[in-house]
Every structure is written in C-alpha cells, then in structure tokens.
Amino acid sequence: MNGKAYRSHWSILVVFMGLMLAGGCARGPLYIPAEQRRPIDRSEVEYPAQLELTTVISGLTAPTAVAFETQDPDHYGSVLIAESGQGGTDVRIFGFRPDGTQFWIYPQGSTLPIIGQKFRIHAPIGGMVVTGGRIYVSHRDERGLGVITAFDYEGRPTTIVADLPARGDYSVTDLAVHPTNGRLYFGLGSATNSGVVGLDNWAVGWVEVYPEFADQPLVNLRLNGYRFTTTNPKGGLFGGDDIAVTAPFHPFGASRQLRIPASLTGKPTAAVYSVDLQGGDLAVEAHGIRLPRGLVFNEFGNLFVSNNGMELRGTRPVKDDPDAILRVPLGGQLWYGWPDYSADLVPIENPRFQPPQSMSMKTGYPELAALISHEGSGLLPPDRNALLRGVFSALSGAAKMTFVPDRAPSVFQPFRGQLLVALSGDRAPFATSGQKLISPQGYCVMRVDVDSKEVSDFVFNTRRLPAHMTRDLNNAMERPIDVKFGPDGALYILDFGQMRVEDGKEKIKPKTGRLYRLGPPVIPTTAPSATVGDR
C-alpha cells in the first residue's frame, strides 16, 4: 500500500471510529416522556407543596444554559440546552420538541465537530437566550476573546459582538433581552479573583498563554501604590527573577504604573453591557461587578444581576465575601466597587474579609485595603441601600435566575414577582486555597423578595449536600445552574452535574447533568419513546 492510499485508509478509519463513538457507544442526552416520569420523593428533595418535581432530561454533560422557544411556530414549546464545553468536554447546543424528538443547533452538519464545521465555538458557553427565531449564545473564540453568536434553526451563525476581554478567569456570562427596548444585555467577568494577577491565575492556565493580559477598567484609575510579591513560576537562570512583583490591573510581574488608563477599546472586564440584537451600538451599563453571572429583567423592565464574591485564593485572598443580588439601573454606568468592595457592597477593609495572616503576609501586606484611590479616580462608593437586593453565603455560586411571572399556574401565585436563583455550589478546594469548608455551600434553588431583601429556601436536598455526597445520585440535585419558566407554566431547573476544581482545573464527570421540571402534575398524553441523542 502506498503512502497516499495508507493515509486515505487511515482517515476513513478515524472517521468511522468517531461516528461509532458518537452515535453508538456514547449515548447522548435522554429525553423522558411525561408518562415515564416519576415524582422525586420529598424525603430526598424538598420543594413547595402542590408541586411535583420530575426529571425531564438526563445524561447531560456540563450544561450551563436552558431556554424555551415561544415565538417560532415550527419549534414552539421546544426546550434548548447548551452544554458548555468546560473541563475539556464538547460544546453542544441542541433541543427537544414537545413530542420528544431532538434537533441540533451546534455542531451542525456532522456528528464530529472538527469535520465539516468551519465555525467553531470555544468554551465556555456562558449564557443562552432565544428570541425572534434566533438562539443567542455567549462563548470564547480561538483567541480567547469573548463573543456572542446568534444561530438560526439551521445552525447558521451570525456574530453579534466580538473581541471582548475574556482571556482571564471568567468569560462572557448570562444573556437577557429587555422586555420593551429589545436590547440584549450580558455580563463579562473579571480576569482575576481580586484585581491582581497571581499564582492562582497561572494554575488556571491563561497567564502563560496571554502574559500581557490583566483586568481592564472602564475609567482612568489612580492606584494606591500596592505592589504584591510572589514566587515567579518562570524564574531561574533563563526565566528572570525568582520573585515577581505585581501591581493591581497590571500583567503578572509588572508594577510600573500608578495610573491605569481606561480600556482603549471601551470594553472593561467585570462589567455589564448591552448591544443591539442585530449587532452594533455596544454600551457599558455598569462596571466593578466581579462576576455578573446571572441577568434577568422583572415585569417592569428593571435589571437584576447575581454577583459572585471574591474567593480565598491568589495573591490577594479574600475571606467570606458573599454572593449577592444587585439591581442595575440602565444607562447609569455605576461603579459597584470591585475589587475594593465585597459583592454585597461593603468596603473590603471590613474585618470579616481579612484572610488568615499566614496567607496575607506572604504577599507583603498584613491586611486587605483598597487598591484604588477612589477620589483620585472619580469613583463614587456604591449605594448599598439602593443597589443590594439579596445576599447568599460566601462561595454558594449564585448563578442564573428568573422571576415568578403573573402567568404562572395558581400554585406558584404565592411567589409571584419573587426571584428564583440557582446556587451551583462552592469551588473548593481551589476557591479556599485547600482549606476545608465547614459544610458545602449552595447546591440549591433559593427564593428572593427583591423588595424586602428576604432570602428563603425553595428547592433543596433534604440532607443539604450535593447529590454525589448522598446515597441518591439519581434524584438529588448536584449543581443547579439555571432556572427558567417554560411555556407550560412549570419551572425548569438545569443541573450542571458533578464537577470538582483542583489546582485551577475543572474536573467534569460526563453525563451527570440533568433538567428537572417543577410544576403541577402532568396528565400523560400519547408520546413517542424516549429519544436518545446521537452526538
């Protein structure tokens, strides 16, 4: 056999093996028809009376977003799922029609993403929203920059916004469409944990790939002169000094400026943006929000954001910074204080945020203090009373959320107008620098009255542990990450599945994610057998 024939034979074999793995050996997500669903016992998961919790889809891998089609007649009532691609898994976007049949948005045209697929999504998918017959998805590109892409139901992509500074710890997050002005709103996380590029960012892996990247402000900053010391991973005979000195808003190992210019592109990290649904007219709505992970509008067109607090890691570790719900006035470009205020808008000098001295002294400073001269930078302190709407425990992982609508079935009426928030759980041991938590944080769905700021349980495992720490892997929740009301009036809870973060790397257990339905009992109708995805 000559070389050319051998290569051709080998290519055909590789494709055949891939198809077998995708369509035969590796079973995809499983849609469970209504007549086959069984209510989850309240001894395992607690939820409101007169409602029934069932599993609708199982076998998902690292899903981060769920959405429903309520406008396009050919797909009305369909549920769409985005699998994020985190932890080196495949990025996939697909849907199930009400009759249980499956369709694909991405990858399109092949069961193997790298074959016949010119357009590539790079992980992670942060959010997804469906409007006007198009599916809008946030993700990264091959250069590590943030992108929002709109797909039609044939899987054809259109770029809405690109070149967002998303090369750090966090990328583009959730998406929401304003109910009256029709603009698309989205979040972009910070590059670092608390404003300083450190060894934790080396562990995540982006510093070596993008050594000049750091957090980028919306406005010109005047710094207070702090310079943090760490070991230099590239130090040595040919790599430079053994000790690196890094200032806030500088690349790793740089500390040359007290004045940091505003982002030259007008695109800051740690911010909330809006853009026209067709692309263009990009605007910054708010900045200084560390990780605006979930976005949602209420019936009056007011925007609310879930913000994840700083973690006990890196060059500037922060202890017990809670997660929070914030109100974001549109067009105000308000500063929410990061990295000098906690997620719940308290000055970082407060004693409750101080890390153990054994951690803080390693970087040359005995306690946390403001990195930015607020007066010299023209920054006003955030108005905690006006902007803070709810607080969760530190590291609880406040993710996506939804308001209970007027149209919800009568059993939901006691909660009308209240906010339901998925808490995906802690990221220990990475988020705690290896320190053991007293108990797991999050792993539930909470209810928030945004007027009184009262936070209450809504759906939670009775043992207050994620599923993998209980005896019931098949029913208990693992990491709730998104919540949406469907066209049937029921609440759907998307569960990310099992993940552990070690040394900055996400360890994903495939096919442990699922979609739950919480609503009035369903009267079964004639439906096809469960459909198994073939990709």
Protein backbone atom coordinates (compact mmCIF):
# COMPACT_ATOMS: atom_id res chain seq x y z
CA MET A 1 0.00 0.00 0.00
CA ASN A 2 1.49 3.36 -0.99
CA GLY A 3 1.66 6.35 1.39
CA LYS A 4 -1.29 8.18 -0.17
CA ALA A 5 -3.54 5.12 -0.02
CA TYR A 6 -2.44 4.40 3.53
CA ARG A 7 -3.31 7.94 4.67
CA SER A 8 -6.70 7.73 2.96
CA HIS A 9 -7.41 4.39 4.59
CA TRP A 10 -6.37 5.73 8.00
CA SER A 11 -8.56 8.86 7.61
CA ILE A 12 -11.61 6.74 6.78
CA LEU A 13 -10.92 4.55 9.82
CA VAL A 14 -10.64 7.56 12.13
CA VAL A 15 -13.93 8.99 10.85
CA PHE A 16 -15.65 5.61 11.21
CA MET A 17 -14.41 5.20 14.78
CA GLY A 18 -15.57 8.72 15.63
CA LEU A 19 -19.03 8.04 14.23
CA MET A 20 -19.26 4.83 16.21
CA LEU A 21 -18.30 6.61 19.41
CA ALA A 22 -20.68 9.48 18.77
CA GLY A 23 -23.68 7.51 17.59
CA GLY A 24 -23.23 4.06 19.02
CA CYS A 25 -21.13 3.60 22.13
CA ALA A 26 -21.53 7.08 23.64
CA ARG A 27 -25.22 7.58 24.34
CA GLY A 28 -26.34 11.19 24.38
CA PRO A 29 -28.92 13.01 26.47
CA LEU A 30 -32.09 11.09 27.26
CA TYR A 31 -35.50 12.78 26.99
CA ILE A 32 -38.02 11.19 29.35
CA PRO A 33 -41.65 11.29 28.12
CA ALA A 34 -44.25 12.56 30.60
CA GLU A 35 -45.80 9.14 31.18
CA GLN A 36 -42.41 7.73 32.24
CA ARG A 37 -41.51 10.46 34.74
CA ARG A 38 -41.75 9.69 38.42
CA PRO A 39 -42.08 12.35 41.15
CA ILE A 40 -38.98 12.77 43.28
CA ASP A 41 -39.74 11.92 46.88
CA ARG A 42 -39.70 14.82 49.34
CA SER A 43 -37.54 12.75 51.67
CA GLU A 44 -34.75 13.37 49.13
CA VAL A 45 -35.52 16.83 47.72
CA GLU A 46 -37.77 19.38 49.41
CA TYR A 47 -39.94 21.68 47.26
CA PRO A 48 -43.20 23.64 47.64
CA ALA A 49 -46.49 21.88 48.31
CA GLN A 50 -48.91 21.07 45.47
CA LEU A 51 -45.99 20.88 43.03
CA GLU A 52 -44.26 17.85 41.56
CA LEU A 53 -40.52 17.57 40.82
CA THR A 54 -39.54 15.20 37.99
CA THR A 55 -36.55 14.61 35.73
CA VAL A 56 -37.18 15.60 32.09
CA ILE A 57 -33.72 15.11 30.53
CA SER A 58 -30.78 13.12 31.90
CA GLY A 59 -27.29 12.34 30.61
CA LEU A 60 -26.18 15.95 30.08
CA THR A 61 -22.50 16.93 30.27
CA ALA A 62 -21.61 20.27 31.88
CA PRO A 63 -24.75 22.16 30.73
CA THR A 64 -24.87 25.85 31.63
CA ALA A 65 -27.98 27.28 29.95
CA VAL A 66 -31.58 26.36 29.19
CA ALA A 67 -34.08 28.33 27.09
CA PHE A 68 -37.51 27.88 25.53
CA GLU A 69 -38.84 28.78 22.11
CA THR A 70 -42.13 30.67 22.37
CA GLN A 71 -42.23 32.53 19.03
CA ASP A 72 -41.09 30.35 16.11
CA PRO A 73 -44.11 28.24 15.03
CA ASP A 74 -42.01 25.31 13.80
CA HIS A 75 -40.27 24.94 17.16
CA TYR A 76 -42.84 26.37 19.58
CA GLY A 77 -42.56 24.86 23.03
CA SER A 78 -39.13 23.35 22.39
CA VAL A 79 -36.56 23.32 25.15
CA LEU A 80 -32.94 24.15 24.19
CA ILE A 81 -29.86 23.12 26.15
CA ALA A 82 -26.28 24.42 25.88
CA GLU A 83 -23.50 22.12 27.08
CA SER A 84 -20.66 24.45 27.99
CA GLY A 85 -17.53 22.55 26.96
CA GLN A 86 -15.98 23.12 30.39
CA GLY A 87 -13.27 20.78 31.56
CA GLY A 88 -12.34 19.79 28.01
CA THR A 89 -15.77 18.38 27.14
CA ASP A 90 -17.58 19.02 23.84
CA VAL A 91 -19.55 22.21 23.23
CA ARG A 92 -23.04 21.26 22.06
CA ILE A 93 -26.34 23.11 21.57
CA PHE A 94 -29.48 21.08 20.91
CA GLY A 95 -33.18 21.00 21.62
CA PHE A 96 -36.14 18.72 22.19
CA ARG A 97 -39.56 19.40 20.72
CA PRO A 98 -42.64 18.85 22.91
CA ASP A 99 -43.08 15.40 21.33
CA GLY A 100 -39.57 14.39 22.47
CA THR A 101 -37.84 14.48 19.07
CA GLN A 102 -34.37 16.03 19.11
CA PHE A 103 -32.75 18.62 16.85
CA TRP A 104 -29.27 20.14 16.71
CA ILE A 105 -28.01 23.71 16.52
CA TYR A 106 -24.28 23.16 17.12
CA PRO A 107 -22.33 21.32 15.85
CA GLN A 108 -24.34 21.29 12.64
CA GLY A 109 -23.76 19.09 9.61
CA SER A 110 -21.64 16.42 11.27
CA THR A 111 -21.56 14.25 14.37
CA LEU A 112 -17.86 15.12 14.65
CA PRO A 113 -17.34 18.84 15.46
CA ILE A 114 -13.99 19.05 13.64
CA ILE A 115 -15.30 17.61 10.38
CA GLY A 116 -17.31 19.84 8.04
CA GLN A 117 -17.59 22.52 10.72
CA LYS A 118 -15.87 25.78 9.73
CA PHE A 119 -17.31 27.87 12.55
CA ARG A 120 -16.05 26.83 15.99
CA ILE A 121 -17.32 27.71 19.44
CA HIS A 122 -14.66 27.73 22.14
CA ALA A 123 -15.62 27.06 25.74
CA PRO A 124 -17.18 28.02 27.94
CA ILE A 125 -20.74 28.81 26.92
CA GLY A 126 -21.84 31.36 29.50
CA GLY A 127 -25.45 32.00 28.59
CA MET A 128 -28.18 31.49 26.03
CA VAL A 129 -31.43 33.25 25.16
CA VAL A 130 -33.96 32.60 22.39
CA THR A 131 -35.83 35.45 20.71
CA GLY A 132 -37.06 36.31 17.23
CA GLY A 133 -36.39 32.81 15.94
CA ARG A 134 -32.68 33.03 16.81
CA ILE A 135 -30.59 31.42 19.53
CA TYR A 136 -28.08 33.83 21.10
CA VAL A 137 -25.09 32.23 22.82
CA SER A 138 -22.07 33.70 24.66
CA HIS A 139 -18.67 31.98 24.37
CA ARG A 140 -14.98 32.47 23.55
CA ASP A 141 -13.22 32.36 20.17
CA GLU A 142 -9.93 30.70 19.20
CA ARG A 143 -8.01 33.74 20.51
CA GLY A 144 -9.62 33.56 23.94
CA LEU A 145 -11.76 36.65 23.32
CA GLY A 146 -15.42 36.86 24.23
CA VAL A 147 -18.11 36.53 21.55
CA ILE A 148 -21.88 36.49 21.29
CA THR A 149 -23.20 34.49 18.33
CA ALA A 150 -26.76 34.21 17.03
CA PHE A 151 -27.83 30.94 15.36
CA ASP A 152 -30.88 30.22 13.28
CA TYR A 153 -32.53 26.80 13.45
CA GLU A 154 -30.38 25.60 10.57
CA GLY A 155 -27.32 26.20 12.75
CA ARG A 156 -26.06 29.16 10.68
CA PRO A 157 -24.09 31.59 12.87
CA THR A 158 -24.03 35.40 12.90
CA THR A 159 -21.61 37.33 15.13
CA ILE A 160 -23.36 39.95 17.27
CA VAL A 161 -20.38 41.21 19.30
CA ALA A 162 -16.74 40.06 19.43
CA ASP A 163 -13.31 40.92 20.84
CA LEU A 164 -14.46 41.14 24.46
CA PRO A 165 -11.60 40.93 27.02
CA ALA A 166 -12.40 37.40 28.25
CA ARG A 167 -8.95 35.78 28.46
CA GLY A 168 -8.85 35.56 32.24
CA ASP A 169 -10.58 33.53 34.93
CA TYR A 170 -14.06 34.40 33.70
CA SER A 171 -15.63 34.91 30.30
CA VAL A 172 -18.92 36.26 28.93
CA THR A 173 -21.79 35.18 31.17
CA ASP A 174 -25.57 35.27 31.01
CA LEU A 175 -27.82 36.93 28.39
CA ALA A 176 -31.17 38.69 28.80
CA VAL A 177 -33.41 40.66 26.43
CA HIS A 178 -35.08 43.83 27.69
CA PRO A 179 -38.89 43.40 27.52
CA THR A 180 -39.52 46.77 25.88
CA ASN A 181 -36.41 48.23 24.24
CA GLY A 182 -35.41 44.85 22.76
CA ARG A 183 -31.69 45.21 23.51
CA LEU A 184 -29.52 42.26 24.51
CA TYR A 185 -27.83 42.56 27.92
CA PHE A 186 -24.91 40.41 29.06
CA GLY A 187 -22.22 40.13 31.71
CA LEU A 188 -18.44 39.84 31.49
CA GLY A 189 -16.44 38.55 34.45
CA SER A 190 -13.16 39.77 35.87
CA ALA A 191 -9.78 38.46 34.73
CA THR A 192 -8.62 37.84 38.30
CA ASN A 193 -10.03 36.93 41.69
CA SER A 194 -9.45 40.29 43.34
CA GLY A 195 -7.62 42.63 40.96
CA VAL A 196 -4.07 41.20 40.99
CA VAL A 197 -2.72 38.57 38.58
CA GLY A 198 -1.21 35.83 40.72
CA LEU A 199 -0.26 32.18 41.02
CA ASP A 200 -3.92 31.13 41.04
CA ASN A 201 -4.23 32.53 37.52
CA TRP A 202 -1.15 30.59 36.49
CA ALA A 203 -2.91 27.47 37.79
CA VAL A 204 -5.99 28.21 35.67
CA GLY A 205 -3.58 28.37 32.75
CA TRP A 206 -4.17 31.69 31.00
CA VAL A 207 -1.17 33.72 32.22
CA GLU A 208 1.38 31.73 30.23
CA VAL A 209 -0.79 31.92 27.08
CA TYR A 210 -1.67 35.62 27.46
CA PRO A 211 1.17 37.08 29.58
CA GLU A 212 0.15 40.71 28.90
CA PHE A 213 -3.45 40.29 29.98
CA ALA A 214 -4.91 41.81 33.15
CA ASP A 215 -8.14 43.40 34.30
CA GLN A 216 -9.16 46.43 32.27
CA PRO A 217 -11.09 49.36 33.82
CA LEU A 218 -13.81 51.47 32.25
CA VAL A 219 -12.30 54.72 33.59
CA ASN A 220 -8.81 56.04 34.28
CA LEU A 221 -7.63 54.73 37.65
CA ARG A 222 -5.24 56.14 40.17
CA LEU A 223 -3.82 53.34 42.33
CA ASN A 224 -2.82 53.49 45.99
CA GLY A 225 0.63 52.05 45.29
CA TYR A 226 0.31 48.45 46.47
CA ARG A 227 2.80 46.00 44.94
CA PHE A 228 2.41 42.29 45.69
CA THR A 229 5.24 39.75 45.77
CA THR A 230 5.02 36.09 44.83
CA THR A 231 7.33 33.41 43.57
CA ASN A 232 7.90 33.56 39.82
CA PRO A 233 6.92 30.31 38.05
CA LYS A 234 9.31 31.23 35.21
CA GLY A 235 12.15 32.35 37.44
CA GLY A 236 15.60 30.85 37.14
CA LEU A 237 18.70 31.08 35.01
CA PHE A 238 16.86 31.99 31.80
CA GLY A 239 13.40 32.99 33.10
CA GLY A 240 14.07 36.07 35.18
CA ASP A 241 13.95 36.80 38.90
CA ASP A 242 12.77 34.19 41.39
CA ILE A 243 10.41 36.77 42.90
CA ALA A 244 7.71 38.54 40.87
CA VAL A 245 6.28 41.90 41.90
CA THR A 246 2.81 42.62 40.53
CA ALA A 247 0.63 45.70 40.93
CA PRO A 248 -3.17 45.76 40.54
CA PHE A 249 -4.50 45.99 36.98
CA HIS A 250 -1.03 45.03 35.66
CA PRO A 251 0.13 41.88 33.87
CA PHE A 252 1.93 39.35 36.04
CA GLY A 253 5.34 40.60 37.15
CA ALA A 254 4.66 44.25 36.20
CA SER A 255 4.30 47.14 38.67
CA ARG A 256 5.31 50.17 36.67
CA GLN A 257 2.29 52.50 36.86
CA LEU A 258 0.25 54.30 39.49
CA ARG A 259 -2.19 55.48 36.85
CA ILE A 260 -4.04 52.89 34.78
CA PRO A 261 -5.67 54.18 31.60
CA ALA A 262 -9.22 53.22 30.74
CA SER A 263 -9.62 50.34 28.31
CA LEU A 264 -8.59 51.60 24.88
CA THR A 265 -11.42 49.62 23.29
CA GLY A 266 -14.02 50.87 25.76
CA LYS A 267 -14.55 47.25 26.83
CA PRO A 268 -13.77 46.71 30.54
CA THR A 269 -13.69 43.45 32.44
CA ALA A 270 -16.07 42.91 35.38
CA ALA A 271 -18.95 44.73 33.71
CA VAL A 272 -22.49 44.54 32.36
CA TYR A 273 -23.07 45.51 28.71
CA SER A 274 -25.91 45.89 26.23
CA VAL A 275 -25.96 45.59 22.44
CA ASP A 276 -28.49 45.75 19.63
CA LEU A 277 -29.95 42.34 18.78
CA GLN A 278 -28.62 42.72 15.24
CA GLY A 279 -25.16 43.77 16.49
CA GLY A 280 -23.67 47.22 16.96
CA ASP A 281 -24.33 50.07 19.41
CA LEU A 282 -22.41 48.36 22.21
CA ALA A 283 -22.80 50.10 25.59
CA VAL A 284 -21.42 49.56 29.09
CA GLU A 285 -24.27 49.62 31.62
CA ALA A 286 -22.29 49.04 34.85
CA HIS A 287 -18.73 48.21 35.94
CA GLY A 288 -16.89 46.95 39.01
CA ILE A 289 -19.09 43.81 39.26
CA ARG A 290 -16.71 40.89 39.74
CA LEU A 291 -18.76 38.10 38.17
CA PRO A 292 -22.21 39.15 36.88
CA ARG A 293 -23.17 35.52 36.40
CA GLY A 294 -26.94 35.74 36.01
CA LEU A 295 -29.04 38.50 34.43
CA VAL A 296 -32.83 38.87 34.44
CA PHE A 297 -35.48 41.57 33.95
CA ASN A 298 -38.64 41.84 36.02
CA GLU A 299 -42.02 42.77 34.56
CA PHE A 300 -41.22 46.47 34.96
CA GLY A 301 -38.02 46.25 32.90
CA ASN A 302 -35.66 46.51 35.90
CA LEU A 303 -32.40 44.58 35.54
CA PHE A 304 -31.08 42.34 38.32
CA VAL A 305 -27.69 40.59 38.40
CA SER A 306 -26.25 37.80 40.53
CA ASN A 307 -22.68 38.61 41.56
CA ASN A 308 -20.17 36.05 42.87
CA GLY A 309 -17.88 37.27 45.63
CA MET A 310 -14.09 37.08 45.76
CA GLU A 311 -12.53 33.81 46.89
CA LEU A 312 -9.87 32.84 49.41
CA ARG A 313 -7.15 32.34 46.82
CA GLY A 314 -4.38 34.04 44.92
CA THR A 315 -2.12 36.97 45.66
CA ARG A 316 -4.92 38.94 47.36
CA PRO A 317 -7.14 36.31 49.04
CA VAL A 318 -10.48 37.46 50.44
CA LYS A 319 -12.34 35.63 53.20
CA ASP A 320 -16.12 35.24 53.40
CA ASP A 321 -17.09 37.54 50.53
CA PRO A 322 -20.75 36.57 49.96
CA ASP A 323 -22.66 36.21 46.73
CA ALA A 324 -25.31 38.84 46.11
CA ILE A 325 -28.23 40.05 44.01
CA LEU A 326 -27.77 43.57 42.65
CA ARG A 327 -30.10 45.96 40.88
CA VAL A 328 -28.54 47.61 37.82
CA PRO A 329 -30.09 50.92 36.69
CA LEU A 330 -29.83 51.09 32.91
CA GLY A 331 -27.60 53.69 31.29
CA GLY A 332 -26.07 54.80 34.58
CA GLN A 333 -22.60 53.21 34.22
CA LEU A 334 -22.49 52.94 38.01
CA TRP A 335 -19.39 51.53 39.70
CA TYR A 336 -20.14 48.63 42.04
CA GLY A 337 -16.83 48.69 43.89
CA TRP A 338 -14.84 45.64 42.80
CA PRO A 339 -12.08 44.97 43.83
CA ASP A 340 -12.34 47.36 46.79
CA TYR A 341 -15.84 46.40 47.88
CA SER A 342 -17.37 43.00 48.52
CA ALA A 343 -20.08 41.54 46.31
CA ASP A 344 -22.64 42.89 48.81
CA LEU A 345 -21.06 46.37 48.58
CA VAL A 346 -19.17 46.54 51.89
CA PRO A 347 -15.65 48.15 51.99
CA ILE A 348 -13.00 45.44 51.77
CA GLU A 349 -11.21 46.81 54.86
CA ASN A 350 -14.01 45.34 56.99
CA PRO A 351 -12.53 42.77 59.42
CA ARG A 352 -14.80 39.97 58.21
CA PHE A 353 -12.98 39.82 54.86
CA GLN A 354 -9.46 39.59 56.28
CA PRO A 355 -7.72 36.30 55.37
CA PRO A 356 -5.54 34.39 57.81
CA GLN A 357 -2.29 36.31 58.31
CA SER A 358 -0.35 33.24 57.24
CA MET A 359 -1.81 33.87 53.77
CA SER A 360 -1.74 37.66 53.57
CA MET A 361 1.81 38.11 54.91
CA LYS A 362 3.21 36.05 52.04
CA THR A 363 2.46 38.94 49.66
CA GLY A 364 3.95 41.66 51.83
CA TYR A 365 0.82 43.16 53.44
CA PRO A 366 -0.77 42.18 56.77
CA GLU A 367 -4.35 43.06 55.82
CA LEU A 368 -6.68 43.89 52.94
CA ALA A 369 -7.02 47.51 51.87
CA ALA A 370 -8.39 49.45 48.90
CA LEU A 371 -6.27 49.13 45.76
CA ILE A 372 -7.73 52.21 44.05
CA SER A 373 -7.75 55.87 45.08
CA HIS A 374 -11.48 56.36 44.67
CA GLU A 375 -11.38 60.14 44.89
CA GLY A 376 -8.39 60.34 42.54
CA SER A 377 -10.21 58.10 40.07
CA GLY A 378 -13.53 59.91 40.25
CA LEU A 379 -15.32 56.84 41.61
CA LEU A 380 -18.26 57.19 43.99
CA PRO A 381 -18.94 54.49 46.61
CA PRO A 382 -21.79 52.17 45.58
CA ASP A 383 -25.13 52.91 47.25
CA ARG A 384 -25.67 49.70 49.18
CA ASN A 385 -29.21 50.52 50.29
CA ALA A 386 -30.40 51.23 46.74
CA LEU A 387 -28.47 48.57 44.79
CA LEU A 388 -28.26 45.50 47.03
CA ARG A 389 -31.33 43.22 46.78
CA GLY A 390 -30.25 39.96 48.44
CA VAL A 391 -27.27 38.14 49.98
CA PHE A 392 -26.20 34.47 49.98
CA SER A 393 -23.41 32.75 51.86
CA ALA A 394 -19.85 33.01 50.55
CA LEU A 395 -18.91 30.55 47.77
CA SER A 396 -22.54 29.48 47.26
CA GLY A 397 -22.25 30.00 43.48
CA ALA A 398 -25.21 32.28 42.72
CA ALA A 399 -25.87 31.61 39.03
CA LYS A 400 -28.82 32.21 36.72
CA MET A 401 -32.26 33.24 37.86
CA THR A 402 -35.86 34.00 36.90
CA PHE A 403 -38.83 35.91 38.28
CA VAL A 404 -42.07 34.07 39.01
CA PRO A 405 -44.38 35.53 36.33
CA ASP A 406 -48.04 36.52 36.53
CA ARG A 407 -48.89 33.76 34.05
CA ALA A 408 -47.54 31.01 36.29
CA PRO A 409 -50.07 28.38 37.48
CA SER A 410 -52.04 29.19 40.63
CA VAL A 411 -49.76 27.00 42.78
CA PHE A 412 -46.93 29.50 42.06
CA GLN A 413 -49.03 32.58 42.85
CA PRO A 414 -47.79 32.92 46.47
CA PHE A 415 -44.35 33.57 44.96
CA ARG A 416 -45.42 35.91 42.14
CA GLY A 417 -42.87 38.65 41.46
CA GLN A 418 -40.19 36.94 43.54
CA LEU A 419 -36.78 35.94 42.22
CA LEU A 420 -35.70 32.29 42.00
CA VAL A 421 -31.93 31.83 41.97
CA ALA A 422 -29.89 28.70 41.19
CA LEU A 423 -26.91 28.25 43.54
CA SER A 424 -24.41 25.97 41.81
CA GLY A 425 -22.26 25.38 44.88
CA ASP A 426 -18.72 26.05 46.04
CA ARG A 427 -15.50 25.54 44.08
CA ALA A 428 -13.44 24.16 46.96
CA PRO A 429 -10.67 23.25 47.35
CA PHE A 430 -9.37 25.71 44.70
CA ALA A 431 -11.55 28.59 45.94
CA THR A 432 -10.34 28.10 49.51
CA SER A 433 -6.62 27.54 48.87
CA GLY A 434 -7.07 23.99 50.10
CA GLN A 435 -8.76 24.93 53.36
CA LYS A 436 -11.68 22.66 54.24
CA LEU A 437 -15.16 24.17 54.38
CA ILE A 438 -17.27 23.68 57.49
CA SER A 439 -20.05 22.50 55.18
CA PRO A 440 -20.81 22.60 51.43
CA GLN A 441 -22.25 25.91 50.24
CA GLY A 442 -25.07 26.33 47.70
CA TYR A 443 -26.35 23.33 45.71
CA CYS A 444 -29.98 24.51 45.80
CA VAL A 445 -32.54 26.98 44.44
CA MET A 446 -33.33 29.99 46.63
CA ARG A 447 -36.19 32.49 46.63
CA VAL A 448 -35.53 36.24 46.99
CA ASP A 449 -38.02 39.01 47.68
CA VAL A 450 -36.18 41.86 45.96
CA ASP A 451 -38.26 44.45 47.82
CA SER A 452 -37.76 43.21 51.38
CA LYS A 453 -34.40 41.56 50.51
CA GLU A 454 -35.54 38.42 52.33
CA VAL A 455 -33.87 35.18 51.15
CA SER A 456 -35.64 31.81 51.63
CA ASP A 457 -35.25 28.16 50.67
CA PHE A 458 -37.21 26.99 47.62
CA VAL A 459 -35.83 23.67 46.31
CA PHE A 460 -33.08 21.87 48.22
CA ASN A 461 -31.74 18.43 49.04
CA THR A 462 -33.02 17.39 52.44
CA ARG A 463 -29.51 16.44 53.58
CA ARG A 464 -28.16 19.83 52.47
CA LEU A 465 -25.47 18.07 50.47
CA PRO A 466 -24.86 17.77 46.71
CA ALA A 467 -26.01 14.51 45.15
CA HIS A 468 -22.55 12.93 44.98
CA MET A 469 -22.27 13.25 48.78
CA THR A 470 -25.59 11.47 49.37
CA ARG A 471 -26.80 7.95 48.68
CA ASP A 472 -29.19 9.08 45.97
CA LEU A 473 -27.32 10.07 42.80
CA ASN A 474 -30.43 9.57 40.66
CA ASN A 475 -32.74 12.13 42.28
CA ALA A 476 -30.88 14.62 44.48
CA MET A 477 -29.60 17.81 42.87
CA GLU A 478 -25.88 18.28 42.20
CA ARG A 479 -25.20 21.82 40.91
CA PRO A 480 -28.32 23.80 39.89
CA ILE A 481 -27.07 26.42 37.42
CA ASP A 482 -30.08 27.80 35.52
CA VAL A 483 -33.81 28.21 36.14
CA LYS A 484 -36.47 29.15 33.57
CA PHE A 485 -40.25 29.01 33.32
CA GLY A 486 -41.45 27.03 30.32
CA PRO A 487 -44.46 27.67 28.07
CA ASP A 488 -46.40 25.13 30.17
CA GLY A 489 -46.06 27.35 33.25
CA ALA A 490 -43.68 24.98 35.04
CA LEU A 491 -40.27 25.88 36.43
CA TYR A 492 -37.34 24.06 34.81
CA ILE A 493 -34.13 23.61 36.80
CA LEU A 494 -30.92 22.86 34.90
CA ASP A 495 -28.34 20.88 36.88
CA PHE A 496 -24.70 21.16 35.75
CA GLY A 497 -23.73 17.78 37.19
CA GLN A 498 -20.62 16.71 39.03
CA MET A 499 -17.54 18.94 38.99
CA ARG A 500 -14.54 19.47 41.22
CA VAL A 501 -11.97 22.25 40.84
CA GLU A 502 -8.43 21.14 41.68
CA ASP A 503 -5.30 23.21 41.06
CA GLY A 504 -7.37 25.56 38.94
CA LYS A 505 -8.61 22.82 36.61
CA GLU A 506 -12.26 21.76 36.30
CA LYS A 507 -12.78 18.01 36.63
CA ILE A 508 -16.09 17.12 34.98
CA LYS A 509 -17.93 13.82 35.34
CA PRO A 510 -19.72 13.35 31.99
CA LYS A 511 -23.47 12.71 31.69
CA THR A 512 -24.27 13.65 35.30
CA GLY A 513 -26.23 16.80 34.37
CA ARG A 514 -30.00 16.85 34.04
CA LEU A 515 -33.08 19.02 33.59
CA TYR A 516 -35.83 18.95 36.21
CA ARG A 517 -39.43 20.12 35.93
CA LEU A 518 -41.19 21.65 38.95
CA GLY A 519 -44.88 22.22 38.36
CA PRO A 520 -48.39 20.81 38.66
CA PRO A 521 -48.60 17.10 37.87
CA VAL A 522 -48.68 16.38 34.12
CA ILE A 523 -51.57 14.41 32.66
CA PRO A 524 -49.79 11.94 30.32
CA THR A 525 -50.66 12.02 26.62
CA THR A 526 -49.62 9.78 23.75
CA ALA A 527 -45.92 10.39 23.04
CA PRO A 528 -43.05 8.59 21.32
CA SER A 529 -40.47 6.57 23.15
CA ALA A 530 -37.53 8.35 24.73
CA THR A 531 -35.22 9.84 22.14
CA VAL A 532 -31.50 9.34 22.63
CA GLY A 533 -29.15 11.95 21.21
CA ASP A 534 -26.66 10.57 18.70
CA ARG A 535 -23.88 13.13 19.06
